[in-house]
Amino acid sequence: MLRFAPSPTGLLHVGNARIALLNYLCAKKNNLKFILRIDDTDLKRSKSIYTDAIKEDLEWLGIKFDDCFFQSKRMAIYNEIAETLKKKGKLYPCYESAEELSLKRKIQLKMGKPPIYDRSSLKLTQKEKSQFSNLNKKPHWRFKLSDKEIKWKDRIHGEIRFEKLSISDPVLIRSDGTPLFTITSVIDDIDYKISSIIRGDDHITNTAAQIELFHSLDADIPDFAHFPLMKSATGESLSKRLSSLSLSEIRESKIDFNVLNNLLVKLGSSLSIDSIKTVNELIEEFNFLNFSKSSIQFNYDDLFRLNSKYLKSISYEEIKEISQKDFTKEFWGAIKSNIETTEDLELWLKTIYDNKFQNKIVQNEKEFLKIAEDNLPDILNNETWSKWTNKISDITGRKGKKLFMPLRIAITGMDKGPEMNLILPLINRKEILRRLIS
């Protein structure tokens, strides 16, 4: 079983979506269940509106989860396990403030030492602990790591090793009693029998500590795959709280979900991003061996380029189903080479068929457009544009852009677009005349 575990504290961005998709593809490739875990233990920042948005985004991507649960409803279980670890001597109380810990780290760095917690709280006597308690100072609780080397075979990074005491004993319980991700995630993974964990490589240090925690709870160690974090085209880290490249934003831009899925899965892999596959096809070709540990960047321009290419490749029936719009094959044939998203399709539907379409005013071309109006043929077909413009050219002596551009702008309101010989027959003749004289 695999899982995706977002926190409902903001919108999903493309980096989150990539991890969700990789987990889903791996699960389905291996005939395993895929579950959605909502990490909502931070009750102040967690919002139901974000939970709903997460589910909507996953559904849009074609990701179907077999089960869903909320960490906030499992607090009693976490507390029970924490008490067990305390009795085993695996958790120990610490009383340093954030300022005191920060000062310790600065001193260690100044001395050229790694900023690792010094375990000074292990030396506290019972009397000293009682004094803190009398001052109403509640402890946070750290997990005591063993002195053994921690290692595992990562699906992406290969063998990863942490020498003894090269990382700090992690805080598992805050001073207010709230359990942190490091422990809640392990407990959930054990209870739900998670066999593989796919996540970003910013969790590698967490994994080292969590492997020890799995051992302390006498549980099997899952398989790990740490993928490189996705960054923006400028190399900046993505943040869901800043809505960086959010799925909500991408959905509003009318990008097809198949295009986004392919780009997310194939970045950093040996697979071609130009070949757009369905979710089922992506499942079939999923293989950890396709991926590298090199850092990757998400370029928004690539998304629009691929979307344009994808729309050009699909059939008339497919584009009608995707866009949920009614139009003819002739219309699609005319405009398909000039759209990036279905939003462009909607623009051209309005441009061609809306009799209240407001075109741009073509400055200082009233006389020229009157000549065009007087010579517009009665019958409009794919040859009309050539015959019409040739006749106008004979009368005015104009050629090239001076001939074509005023007509294009007057009729479509744009200085570029589909070939006019294909557009002209689609527009009602009376409407063309109206646009020429308006």
Protein backbone atom coordinates (compact mmCIF):
# COMPACT_ATOMS: atom_id res chain seq x y z
CA MET A 1 0.00 0.00 0.00
CA LEU A 2 1.15 3.55 -0.76
CA ARG A 3 -0.05 6.92 0.44
CA PHE A 4 -0.04 10.62 -0.30
CA ALA A 5 -0.02 12.77 2.82
CA PRO A 6 -0.65 16.48 2.23
CA SER A 7 -1.26 19.08 4.93
CA PRO A 8 -4.46 21.10 4.38
CA THR A 9 -2.72 24.41 5.07
CA GLY A 10 -2.73 25.73 1.50
CA LEU A 11 -3.26 24.84 -2.13
CA LEU A 12 -1.40 21.97 -3.77
CA HIS A 13 1.40 23.08 -6.10
CA VAL A 14 2.98 21.12 -8.93
CA GLY A 15 5.63 19.66 -6.61
CA ASN A 16 2.95 18.17 -4.34
CA ALA A 17 1.04 16.91 -7.36
CA ARG A 18 4.14 15.16 -8.69
CA ILE A 19 4.61 13.22 -5.45
CA ALA A 20 0.91 12.28 -5.39
CA LEU A 21 1.08 11.09 -8.98
CA LEU A 22 4.28 9.06 -8.49
CA ASN A 23 2.75 7.29 -5.49
CA TYR A 24 -0.44 6.57 -7.41
CA LEU A 25 1.37 5.22 -10.49
CA CYS A 26 3.61 3.01 -8.37
CA ALA A 27 0.64 1.64 -6.41
CA LYS A 28 -1.41 0.79 -9.46
CA LYS A 29 1.58 -0.63 -11.36
CA ASN A 30 2.05 -3.10 -8.49
CA ASN A 31 -1.67 -3.74 -7.88
CA LEU A 32 -1.53 -2.06 -4.47
CA LYS A 33 -4.00 0.23 -2.74
CA PHE A 34 -3.46 3.98 -2.66
CA ILE A 35 -4.70 6.04 0.28
CA LEU A 36 -4.99 9.74 1.03
CA ARG A 37 -3.82 10.78 4.49
CA ILE A 38 -4.69 14.31 5.58
CA ASP A 39 -1.94 15.57 7.91
CA ASP A 40 -4.07 18.02 9.89
CA THR A 41 -2.50 17.87 13.34
CA ASP A 42 -1.75 21.60 13.05
CA LEU A 43 -5.29 22.57 13.95
CA LYS A 44 -4.68 26.32 13.76
CA ARG A 45 -3.51 26.31 10.14
CA SER A 46 -5.47 23.34 8.77
CA LYS A 47 -8.62 24.36 6.88
CA SER A 48 -11.42 22.20 5.47
CA ILE A 49 -11.48 24.40 2.37
CA TYR A 50 -7.96 23.19 1.56
CA THR A 51 -8.92 19.56 2.19
CA ASP A 52 -11.73 19.93 -0.33
CA ALA A 53 -9.37 21.62 -2.80
CA ILE A 54 -6.83 18.79 -2.43
CA LYS A 55 -9.48 16.17 -3.23
CA GLU A 56 -10.73 18.18 -6.22
CA ASP A 57 -7.19 18.58 -7.57
CA LEU A 58 -6.46 14.86 -7.26
CA GLU A 59 -9.74 13.98 -8.95
CA TRP A 60 -8.91 16.38 -11.81
CA LEU A 61 -5.54 14.66 -12.28
CA GLY A 62 -7.27 11.29 -12.54
CA ILE A 63 -5.91 10.09 -9.18
CA LYS A 64 -8.38 7.87 -7.33
CA PHE A 65 -7.70 6.97 -3.70
CA ASP A 66 -9.00 3.78 -2.09
CA ASP A 67 -9.28 5.25 1.40
CA CYS A 68 -8.90 8.58 3.19
CA PHE A 69 -8.26 9.39 6.84
CA PHE A 70 -7.42 12.40 9.00
CA GLN A 71 -4.56 12.45 11.49
CA SER A 72 -6.55 14.75 13.78
CA LYS A 73 -8.90 11.83 14.49
CA ARG A 74 -6.04 9.57 15.58
CA MET A 75 -4.56 11.71 18.36
CA ALA A 76 -5.40 9.18 21.07
CA ILE A 77 -3.43 6.52 19.19
CA TYR A 78 -0.39 8.80 18.82
CA ASN A 79 -0.49 9.72 22.51
CA GLU A 80 -0.70 6.07 23.52
CA ILE A 81 2.35 5.13 21.43
CA ALA A 82 4.24 8.16 22.74
CA GLU A 83 3.59 7.05 26.32
CA THR A 84 4.88 3.57 25.46
CA LEU A 85 8.09 5.07 24.06
CA LYS A 86 8.51 7.20 27.18
CA LYS A 87 8.24 4.11 29.39
CA LYS A 88 10.84 2.35 27.22
CA GLY A 89 13.18 5.30 27.74
CA LYS A 90 13.12 6.13 24.03
CA LEU A 91 11.71 9.62 24.58
CA TYR A 92 13.26 12.11 26.96
CA PRO A 93 12.02 15.53 28.16
CA CYS A 94 13.80 18.74 27.13
CA TYR A 95 13.21 22.22 28.46
CA GLU A 96 15.29 24.54 26.26
CA SER A 97 13.49 27.44 24.63
CA ALA A 98 13.74 28.11 20.90
CA GLU A 99 16.12 30.99 21.68
CA GLU A 100 18.39 28.77 23.77
CA LEU A 101 18.55 26.12 21.05
CA SER A 102 19.31 28.77 18.43
CA LEU A 103 22.19 30.09 20.56
CA LYS A 104 23.59 26.56 20.96
CA ARG A 105 23.55 26.05 17.18
CA LYS A 106 25.33 29.35 16.57
CA ILE A 107 28.06 28.46 19.05
CA GLN A 108 28.53 25.02 17.47
CA LEU A 109 28.79 26.50 13.99
CA LYS A 110 31.26 29.13 15.20
CA MET A 111 33.41 26.32 16.61
CA GLY A 112 33.23 24.45 13.30
CA LYS A 113 31.01 21.71 14.71
CA PRO A 114 27.79 20.36 13.16
CA PRO A 115 24.68 21.93 14.74
CA ILE A 116 23.51 18.75 16.47
CA TYR A 117 21.55 18.73 19.70
CA ASP A 118 24.01 18.13 22.57
CA ARG A 119 21.67 15.93 24.64
CA SER A 120 22.19 18.11 27.70
CA SER A 121 18.65 17.31 28.83
CA LEU A 122 19.68 13.68 29.35
CA LYS A 123 21.87 14.91 32.21
CA LEU A 124 19.03 16.61 34.07
CA THR A 125 18.41 15.27 37.56
CA GLN A 126 14.94 14.55 38.84
CA LYS A 127 15.28 17.58 41.10
CA GLU A 128 16.01 19.85 38.11
CA LYS A 129 13.05 18.44 36.23
CA SER A 130 10.83 19.09 39.24
CA GLN A 131 12.05 22.68 39.36
CA PHE A 132 11.02 23.18 35.73
CA SER A 133 7.66 21.62 36.53
CA ASN A 134 7.17 23.93 39.52
CA LEU A 135 7.82 26.86 37.18
CA ASN A 136 5.03 25.47 34.97
CA LYS A 137 7.53 24.91 32.18
CA LYS A 138 6.36 21.97 30.09
CA PRO A 139 8.90 19.89 28.18
CA HIS A 140 9.08 18.93 24.54
CA TRP A 141 10.12 15.33 23.96
CA ARG A 142 12.99 14.05 21.86
CA PHE A 143 13.54 10.57 20.47
CA LYS A 144 16.92 9.17 21.50
CA LEU A 145 18.68 7.82 18.44
CA SER A 146 21.00 4.84 18.83
CA ASP A 147 24.75 5.01 18.29
CA LYS A 148 24.47 2.71 15.29
CA GLU A 149 24.96 3.71 11.67
CA ILE A 150 21.65 4.23 9.86
CA LYS A 151 21.51 3.09 6.25
CA TRP A 152 19.03 2.05 3.59
CA LYS A 153 18.84 1.38 -0.14
CA ASP A 154 16.93 4.26 -1.65
CA ARG A 155 15.14 3.68 -4.96
CA ILE A 156 16.43 6.98 -6.36
CA HIS A 157 19.62 7.84 -4.44
CA GLY A 158 20.99 4.34 -3.99
CA GLU A 159 22.60 3.50 -0.64
CA ILE A 160 22.27 6.28 1.93
CA ARG A 161 24.25 6.24 5.18
CA PHE A 162 24.14 8.35 8.33
CA GLU A 163 27.02 7.87 10.73
CA LYS A 164 26.19 7.58 14.41
CA LEU A 165 25.23 10.85 16.05
CA SER A 166 25.46 12.79 12.77
CA ILE A 167 21.88 14.04 13.20
CA SER A 168 20.01 15.48 16.15
CA ASP A 169 17.60 13.50 18.26
CA PRO A 170 14.32 14.61 16.67
CA VAL A 171 11.58 16.34 18.63
CA LEU A 172 8.50 14.09 18.47
CA ILE A 173 6.19 15.85 20.93
CA ARG A 174 5.79 19.63 21.29
CA SER A 175 5.58 21.22 24.72
CA ASP A 176 1.81 21.61 24.24
CA GLY A 177 1.53 17.84 23.76
CA THR A 178 1.02 17.91 19.99
CA PRO A 179 2.76 15.01 18.21
CA LEU A 180 4.91 16.00 15.23
CA PHE A 181 5.06 14.54 11.72
CA THR A 182 8.07 12.36 12.48
CA ILE A 183 6.12 10.13 14.88
CA THR A 184 2.57 10.42 13.52
CA SER A 185 3.69 9.43 10.04
CA VAL A 186 5.50 6.33 11.29
CA ILE A 187 2.54 5.21 13.42
CA ASP A 188 0.17 5.65 10.48
CA ASP A 189 2.51 3.85 8.08
CA ILE A 190 2.68 0.90 10.48
CA ASP A 191 -1.07 0.76 11.13
CA TYR A 192 -1.97 1.05 7.45
CA LYS A 193 0.78 -1.34 6.35
CA ILE A 194 2.44 1.13 3.99
CA SER A 195 4.99 -0.85 2.00
CA SER A 196 6.60 1.95 -0.03
CA ILE A 197 7.12 5.63 0.76
CA ILE A 198 7.69 8.02 -2.13
CA ARG A 199 8.45 11.62 -1.18
CA GLY A 200 10.81 14.55 -1.74
CA ASP A 201 14.50 14.30 -0.90
CA ASP A 202 14.07 17.06 1.69
CA HIS A 203 12.83 14.20 3.90
CA ILE A 204 16.04 12.15 3.77
CA THR A 205 17.17 13.23 7.25
CA ASN A 206 13.65 12.56 8.56
CA THR A 207 13.83 9.09 7.07
CA ALA A 208 17.03 8.29 8.96
CA ALA A 209 15.33 9.11 12.26
CA GLN A 210 12.10 7.39 11.26
CA ILE A 211 13.90 4.15 10.40
CA GLU A 212 15.10 4.04 14.02
CA LEU A 213 11.56 4.76 15.14
CA PHE A 214 10.25 1.86 13.05
CA HIS A 215 12.82 -0.37 14.78
CA SER A 216 11.77 0.89 18.23
CA LEU A 217 8.17 -0.02 17.46
CA ASP A 218 9.21 -3.49 16.21
CA ALA A 219 7.87 -2.76 12.72
CA ASP A 220 9.05 -3.62 9.23
CA ILE A 221 10.90 -0.87 7.35
CA PRO A 222 9.10 0.33 4.21
CA ASP A 223 10.80 0.76 0.87
CA PHE A 224 11.91 4.40 0.34
CA ALA A 225 12.22 6.53 -2.80
CA HIS A 226 13.28 10.15 -2.36
CA PHE A 227 12.71 12.20 -5.50
CA PRO A 228 14.51 15.52 -6.05
CA LEU A 229 12.44 18.55 -5.15
CA MET A 230 10.86 20.42 -8.01
CA LYS A 231 11.76 24.09 -8.34
CA SER A 232 10.45 26.94 -10.44
CA ALA A 233 12.05 27.93 -13.76
CA THR A 234 14.11 30.52 -11.85
CA GLY A 235 15.35 27.93 -9.34
CA GLU A 236 13.13 29.05 -6.46
CA SER A 237 11.53 26.60 -4.05
CA LEU A 238 7.80 26.07 -4.41
CA SER A 239 5.46 26.99 -1.57
CA LYS A 240 1.78 26.12 -1.36
CA ARG A 241 1.20 28.97 1.06
CA LEU A 242 2.41 31.40 -1.61
CA SER A 243 0.28 29.65 -4.27
CA SER A 244 3.40 29.04 -6.36
CA LEU A 245 2.33 27.16 -9.48
CA SER A 246 -0.78 25.88 -7.74
CA LEU A 247 -2.95 23.27 -9.41
CA SER A 248 -5.87 25.65 -8.97
CA GLU A 249 -4.05 28.23 -11.09
CA ILE A 250 -3.18 25.65 -13.75
CA ARG A 251 -6.74 24.34 -13.90
CA GLU A 252 -8.04 27.87 -14.42
CA SER A 253 -5.62 28.31 -17.34
CA LYS A 254 -7.43 25.42 -19.11
CA ILE A 255 -4.39 23.13 -19.32
CA ASP A 256 -5.40 19.52 -20.00
CA PHE A 257 -4.70 17.24 -17.03
CA ASN A 258 -3.01 14.65 -19.27
CA VAL A 259 -0.44 17.23 -20.31
CA LEU A 260 0.33 18.22 -16.72
CA ASN A 261 0.56 14.57 -15.63
CA ASN A 262 3.06 13.78 -18.38
CA LEU A 263 5.25 16.76 -17.63
CA LEU A 264 5.25 16.07 -13.88
CA VAL A 265 6.10 12.38 -14.27
CA LYS A 266 8.66 12.70 -17.04
CA LEU A 267 10.72 15.62 -15.73
CA GLY A 268 13.99 14.23 -14.43
CA SER A 269 13.46 10.93 -16.22
CA SER A 270 14.66 9.26 -19.41
CA LEU A 271 11.14 9.45 -20.89
CA SER A 272 10.23 11.93 -23.63
CA ILE A 273 7.94 14.71 -22.42
CA ASP A 274 6.66 15.29 -25.95
CA SER A 275 4.75 12.01 -26.05
CA ILE A 276 1.49 12.56 -24.15
CA LYS A 277 0.18 9.41 -22.46
CA THR A 278 -3.02 8.68 -20.55
CA VAL A 279 -2.92 7.89 -16.83
CA ASN A 280 -3.28 4.17 -17.58
CA GLU A 281 -0.38 4.34 -20.04
CA LEU A 282 1.75 6.16 -17.45
CA ILE A 283 0.97 3.38 -14.98
CA GLU A 284 2.19 0.76 -17.45
CA GLU A 285 5.52 2.49 -18.12
CA PHE A 286 6.26 3.49 -14.50
CA ASN A 287 9.69 2.29 -13.38
CA PHE A 288 12.06 3.73 -10.76
CA LEU A 289 14.95 3.02 -13.13
CA ASN A 290 13.66 5.79 -15.43
CA PHE A 291 14.44 8.49 -12.86
CA SER A 292 17.60 10.26 -11.76
CA LYS A 293 18.48 12.13 -8.57
CA SER A 294 19.33 15.34 -10.44
CA SER A 295 17.40 18.47 -9.51
CA ILE A 296 14.51 19.47 -11.78
CA GLN A 297 12.78 22.71 -12.71
CA PHE A 298 9.19 23.26 -13.76
CA ASN A 299 8.81 25.70 -16.65
CA TYR A 300 5.31 27.06 -17.18
CA ASP A 301 6.13 27.73 -20.84
CA ASP A 302 6.73 24.00 -21.39
CA LEU A 303 3.23 23.33 -20.11
CA PHE A 304 1.61 25.60 -22.70
CA ARG A 305 3.85 24.34 -25.50
CA LEU A 306 2.97 20.73 -24.72
CA ASN A 307 -0.71 21.56 -24.33
CA SER A 308 -0.75 23.19 -27.75
CA LYS A 309 0.96 20.16 -29.28
CA TYR A 310 -1.46 17.81 -27.54
CA LEU A 311 -4.56 19.66 -28.74
CA LYS A 312 -3.26 19.57 -32.31
CA SER A 313 -2.86 15.80 -32.08
CA ILE A 314 -6.32 14.82 -30.85
CA SER A 315 -9.42 14.11 -32.92
CA TYR A 316 -12.47 16.29 -33.46
CA GLU A 317 -14.52 14.01 -31.19
CA GLU A 318 -11.90 14.18 -28.41
CA ILE A 319 -11.64 17.97 -28.42
CA LYS A 320 -15.43 18.30 -28.27
CA GLU A 321 -15.51 16.03 -25.23
CA ILE A 322 -12.66 17.91 -23.53
CA SER A 323 -14.00 21.40 -24.22
CA GLN A 324 -17.69 20.57 -23.75
CA LYS A 325 -18.43 22.97 -26.63
CA ASP A 326 -20.44 22.50 -29.81
CA PHE A 327 -18.69 23.33 -33.09
CA THR A 328 -18.11 21.90 -36.56
CA LYS A 329 -15.19 19.91 -37.94
CA GLU A 330 -14.50 22.84 -40.27
CA PHE A 331 -14.15 25.19 -37.32
CA TRP A 332 -11.75 22.82 -35.53
CA GLY A 333 -9.72 22.31 -38.69
CA ALA A 334 -9.41 26.06 -39.12
CA ILE A 335 -8.30 27.01 -35.61
CA LYS A 336 -6.50 23.94 -34.17
CA SER A 337 -3.04 25.13 -35.25
CA ASN A 338 -3.48 28.42 -33.40
CA ILE A 339 -4.52 27.44 -29.90
CA GLU A 340 -2.61 26.62 -26.73
CA THR A 341 -5.57 25.82 -24.48
CA THR A 342 -9.31 25.32 -24.72
CA GLU A 343 -9.61 28.93 -23.55
CA ASP A 344 -8.25 29.95 -26.96
CA LEU A 345 -10.88 27.71 -28.56
CA GLU A 346 -13.59 29.59 -26.68
CA LEU A 347 -12.09 32.89 -27.87
CA TRP A 348 -12.26 31.79 -31.51
CA LEU A 349 -15.83 30.54 -31.09
CA LYS A 350 -16.78 34.01 -29.95
CA THR A 351 -14.70 35.67 -32.66
CA ILE A 352 -16.30 33.69 -35.47
CA TYR A 353 -19.88 33.14 -34.37
CA ASP A 354 -20.79 36.05 -32.07
CA ASN A 355 -22.84 38.59 -34.06
CA LYS A 356 -22.21 41.14 -31.31
CA PHE A 357 -18.45 40.71 -31.59
CA GLN A 358 -16.64 44.00 -31.05
CA ASN A 359 -13.68 44.21 -33.38
CA LYS A 360 -10.79 46.64 -33.17
CA ILE A 361 -11.09 49.97 -34.94
CA VAL A 362 -8.69 50.04 -37.88
CA GLN A 363 -7.37 53.59 -37.91
CA ASN A 364 -7.30 55.58 -41.19
CA GLU A 365 -8.58 52.66 -43.27
CA LYS A 366 -12.21 53.71 -43.84
CA GLU A 367 -11.83 54.13 -47.60
CA PHE A 368 -9.88 50.88 -47.97
CA LEU A 369 -12.45 48.89 -45.97
CA LYS A 370 -15.29 50.42 -48.05
CA ILE A 371 -13.61 49.02 -51.16
CA ALA A 372 -13.32 45.64 -49.41
CA GLU A 373 -17.00 45.77 -48.48
CA ASP A 374 -18.10 46.59 -52.03
CA ASN A 375 -16.11 43.71 -53.47
CA LEU A 376 -16.89 40.92 -51.00
CA PRO A 377 -18.09 37.91 -53.08
CA ASP A 378 -21.62 36.60 -52.54
CA ILE A 379 -20.44 33.03 -52.03
CA LEU A 380 -17.85 32.32 -49.31
CA ASN A 381 -15.58 29.29 -49.52
CA ASN A 382 -11.90 28.40 -49.11
CA GLU A 383 -11.04 30.24 -52.35
CA THR A 384 -12.87 33.45 -51.45
CA TRP A 385 -10.03 35.05 -49.49
CA SER A 386 -7.55 34.74 -52.35
CA LYS A 387 -9.97 36.03 -55.01
CA TRP A 388 -11.21 38.84 -52.78
CA THR A 389 -7.77 40.13 -51.76
CA ASN A 390 -6.51 39.89 -55.36
CA LYS A 391 -9.37 42.09 -56.53
CA ILE A 392 -8.80 44.59 -53.70
CA SER A 393 -5.10 44.63 -54.57
CA ASP A 394 -5.89 45.39 -58.22
CA ILE A 395 -8.06 48.35 -57.16
CA THR A 396 -5.81 49.78 -54.40
CA GLY A 397 -2.36 48.63 -55.47
CA ARG A 398 -1.72 47.28 -51.99
CA LYS A 399 0.24 44.12 -51.34
CA GLY A 400 1.50 42.08 -48.36
CA LYS A 401 0.73 43.31 -44.84
CA LYS A 402 -0.77 46.60 -46.04
CA LEU A 403 -3.34 44.55 -47.92
CA PHE A 404 -4.01 41.69 -45.52
CA MET A 405 -3.60 43.18 -42.02
CA PRO A 406 -6.44 45.77 -42.06
CA LEU A 407 -8.82 43.05 -43.27
CA ARG A 408 -7.70 40.53 -40.65
CA ILE A 409 -8.01 43.07 -37.82
CA ALA A 410 -11.40 44.32 -39.00
CA ILE A 411 -12.83 40.80 -39.27
CA THR A 412 -11.20 39.01 -36.31
CA GLY A 413 -10.05 41.83 -34.06
CA MET A 414 -6.55 40.30 -34.00
CA ASP A 415 -3.36 40.81 -35.99
CA LYS A 416 -2.59 37.09 -36.07
CA GLY A 417 -4.42 33.80 -36.02
CA PRO A 418 -5.66 31.01 -38.28
CA GLU A 419 -5.42 31.25 -42.05
CA MET A 420 -8.05 33.68 -43.30
CA ASN A 421 -9.04 31.44 -46.22
CA LEU A 422 -10.25 28.94 -43.57
CA ILE A 423 -11.83 31.53 -41.26
CA LEU A 424 -13.78 33.53 -43.83
CA PRO A 425 -16.26 30.77 -44.88
CA LEU A 426 -17.17 30.18 -41.22
CA ILE A 427 -18.46 33.73 -40.64
CA ASN A 428 -21.86 34.85 -41.88
CA ARG A 429 -21.49 37.22 -44.87
CA LYS A 430 -23.71 39.89 -43.28
CA GLU A 431 -21.54 39.72 -40.16
CA ILE A 432 -18.37 40.24 -42.22
CA LEU A 433 -19.95 43.32 -43.84
CA ARG A 434 -20.96 44.66 -40.41
CA ARG A 435 -17.42 44.30 -39.13
CA LEU A 436 -15.94 45.98 -42.19
CA ILE A 437 -18.09 49.10 -41.83
CA SER A 438 -18.32 49.32 -38.03
